[in-house]
Amino acid sequence: MVILTIIYILLLIIAELIGYTVLQIKLYGMNVKDFWSFIKSVQDLEILYKFSKKYESMSPQEQIIFLAEAEKMFSVFEKVPEQIWEDEYDKYSQILDAYKSIKMLRWAEVNV
């Protein structure tokens, strides 16, 4: 009986913590789905950041993959308030610069 009471109390505490977290996400004006996508994109941010440092040596197929992944990441980051990801701004900016450079290189190749 005591064990069931302890388990019930722990489950109640966990449910309250989840509810509080969802409430905080909603107060920021976001959907829980958007926030979960943001968490996944922060992991992708690290990978794209490493690739952005060597974009000049990428093959055309790698550049296309980089552009597609960067566009996905940009769309997720647009849905999240900047205060949440301001610590990642330098990496985001580096990826954006590489994205713009690759787009210009590909545009120049097409128009030559």
Protein backbone atom coordinates (compact mmCIF):
# COMPACT_ATOMS: atom_id res chain seq x y z
CA MET A 1 0.00 0.00 0.00
CA VAL A 2 2.84 2.39 0.87
CA ILE A 3 4.63 1.59 -2.37
CA LEU A 4 1.50 2.34 -4.41
CA THR A 5 1.13 5.68 -2.62
CA ILE A 6 4.74 6.60 -3.36
CA ILE A 7 4.35 5.60 -7.02
CA TYR A 8 1.14 7.64 -7.26
CA ILE A 9 2.83 10.70 -5.74
CA LEU A 10 5.80 10.38 -8.11
CA LEU A 11 3.50 10.08 -11.12
CA LEU A 12 1.57 13.12 -9.94
CA ILE A 13 4.80 15.14 -9.61
CA ILE A 14 5.94 14.06 -13.09
CA ALA A 15 2.56 15.03 -14.57
CA GLU A 16 2.75 18.44 -12.89
CA LEU A 17 6.27 19.04 -14.24
CA ILE A 18 5.17 18.12 -17.76
CA GLY A 19 2.15 20.40 -17.45
CA TYR A 20 4.32 23.26 -16.21
CA THR A 21 6.74 22.78 -19.10
CA VAL A 22 3.93 22.79 -21.66
CA LEU A 23 2.49 25.92 -20.02
CA GLN A 24 5.86 27.71 -20.29
CA ILE A 25 6.17 26.74 -23.96
CA LYS A 26 2.66 28.05 -24.64
CA LEU A 27 3.44 31.31 -22.81
CA TYR A 28 6.32 31.88 -25.25
CA GLY A 29 3.72 31.64 -28.02
CA MET A 30 4.98 28.37 -29.42
CA ASN A 31 3.54 24.97 -30.10
CA VAL A 32 5.00 21.96 -28.31
CA LYS A 33 5.66 20.39 -31.71
CA ASP A 34 7.67 23.45 -32.81
CA PHE A 35 9.69 23.35 -29.60
CA TRP A 36 10.44 19.64 -30.07
CA SER A 37 11.54 20.35 -33.66
CA PHE A 38 13.77 23.11 -32.31
CA ILE A 39 15.48 20.69 -29.92
CA LYS A 40 16.19 18.32 -32.82
CA SER A 41 17.44 21.21 -34.96
CA VAL A 42 19.94 22.31 -32.33
CA GLN A 43 21.56 18.91 -32.72
CA ASP A 44 21.61 19.37 -36.50
CA LEU A 45 23.07 22.84 -35.97
CA GLU A 46 26.30 21.33 -34.65
CA ILE A 47 26.69 19.11 -37.70
CA LEU A 48 25.90 21.90 -40.16
CA TYR A 49 28.30 24.20 -38.33
CA LYS A 50 31.16 21.77 -38.93
CA PHE A 51 30.23 21.48 -42.60
CA SER A 52 29.92 25.25 -42.99
CA LYS A 53 33.61 25.65 -42.20
CA LYS A 54 34.58 23.61 -45.23
CA TYR A 55 31.83 24.45 -47.72
CA GLU A 56 34.33 25.44 -50.41
CA SER A 57 35.67 21.89 -50.67
CA MET A 58 32.23 20.27 -50.88
CA SER A 59 31.12 18.46 -53.99
CA PRO A 60 28.01 19.78 -55.76
CA GLN A 61 25.88 16.98 -54.24
CA GLU A 62 27.16 17.78 -50.75
CA GLN A 63 26.36 21.45 -51.34
CA ILE A 64 22.79 20.58 -52.32
CA ILE A 65 22.38 18.45 -49.20
CA PHE A 66 23.85 21.23 -47.07
CA LEU A 67 21.46 23.77 -48.60
CA ALA A 68 18.43 21.54 -48.01
CA GLU A 69 19.37 20.80 -44.40
CA ALA A 70 20.15 24.45 -43.71
CA GLU A 71 16.76 25.51 -45.08
CA LYS A 72 15.02 23.02 -42.78
CA MET A 73 16.98 24.34 -39.82
CA PHE A 74 16.25 27.98 -40.72
CA SER A 75 12.51 27.30 -40.93
CA VAL A 76 12.52 25.70 -37.47
CA PHE A 77 14.58 28.48 -35.91
CA GLU A 78 12.18 31.11 -37.33
CA LYS A 79 9.34 29.63 -35.27
CA VAL A 80 11.24 29.96 -31.99
CA PRO A 81 11.83 33.26 -30.14
CA GLU A 82 15.41 34.49 -30.45
CA GLN A 83 15.86 34.66 -26.67
CA ILE A 84 15.80 30.86 -26.55
CA TRP A 85 18.56 30.31 -29.08
CA GLU A 86 20.73 33.40 -28.63
CA ASP A 87 23.57 31.20 -27.32
CA GLU A 88 23.65 29.46 -30.70
CA TYR A 89 23.56 32.67 -32.74
CA ASP A 90 27.24 32.55 -33.77
CA LYS A 91 26.86 29.07 -35.22
CA TYR A 92 23.59 30.02 -36.89
CA SER A 93 25.26 33.07 -38.42
CA GLN A 94 28.20 30.99 -39.71
CA ILE A 95 25.80 28.52 -41.33
CA LEU A 96 23.81 31.38 -42.86
CA ASP A 97 26.98 32.88 -44.34
CA ALA A 98 28.00 29.52 -45.83
CA TYR A 99 24.45 29.08 -47.15
CA LYS A 100 24.58 32.46 -48.88
CA SER A 101 28.04 31.73 -50.33
CA ILE A 102 26.98 28.37 -51.73
CA LYS A 103 23.84 29.91 -53.21
CA MET A 104 25.95 32.60 -54.90
CA LEU A 105 28.44 30.04 -56.22
CA ARG A 106 25.67 27.88 -57.63
CA TRP A 107 23.94 30.93 -59.13
CA ALA A 108 27.21 32.04 -60.75
CA GLU A 109 27.75 28.56 -62.22
CA VAL A 110 24.27 28.53 -63.77
CA ASN A 111 24.57 32.03 -65.23
CA VAL A 112 27.99 31.55 -66.83
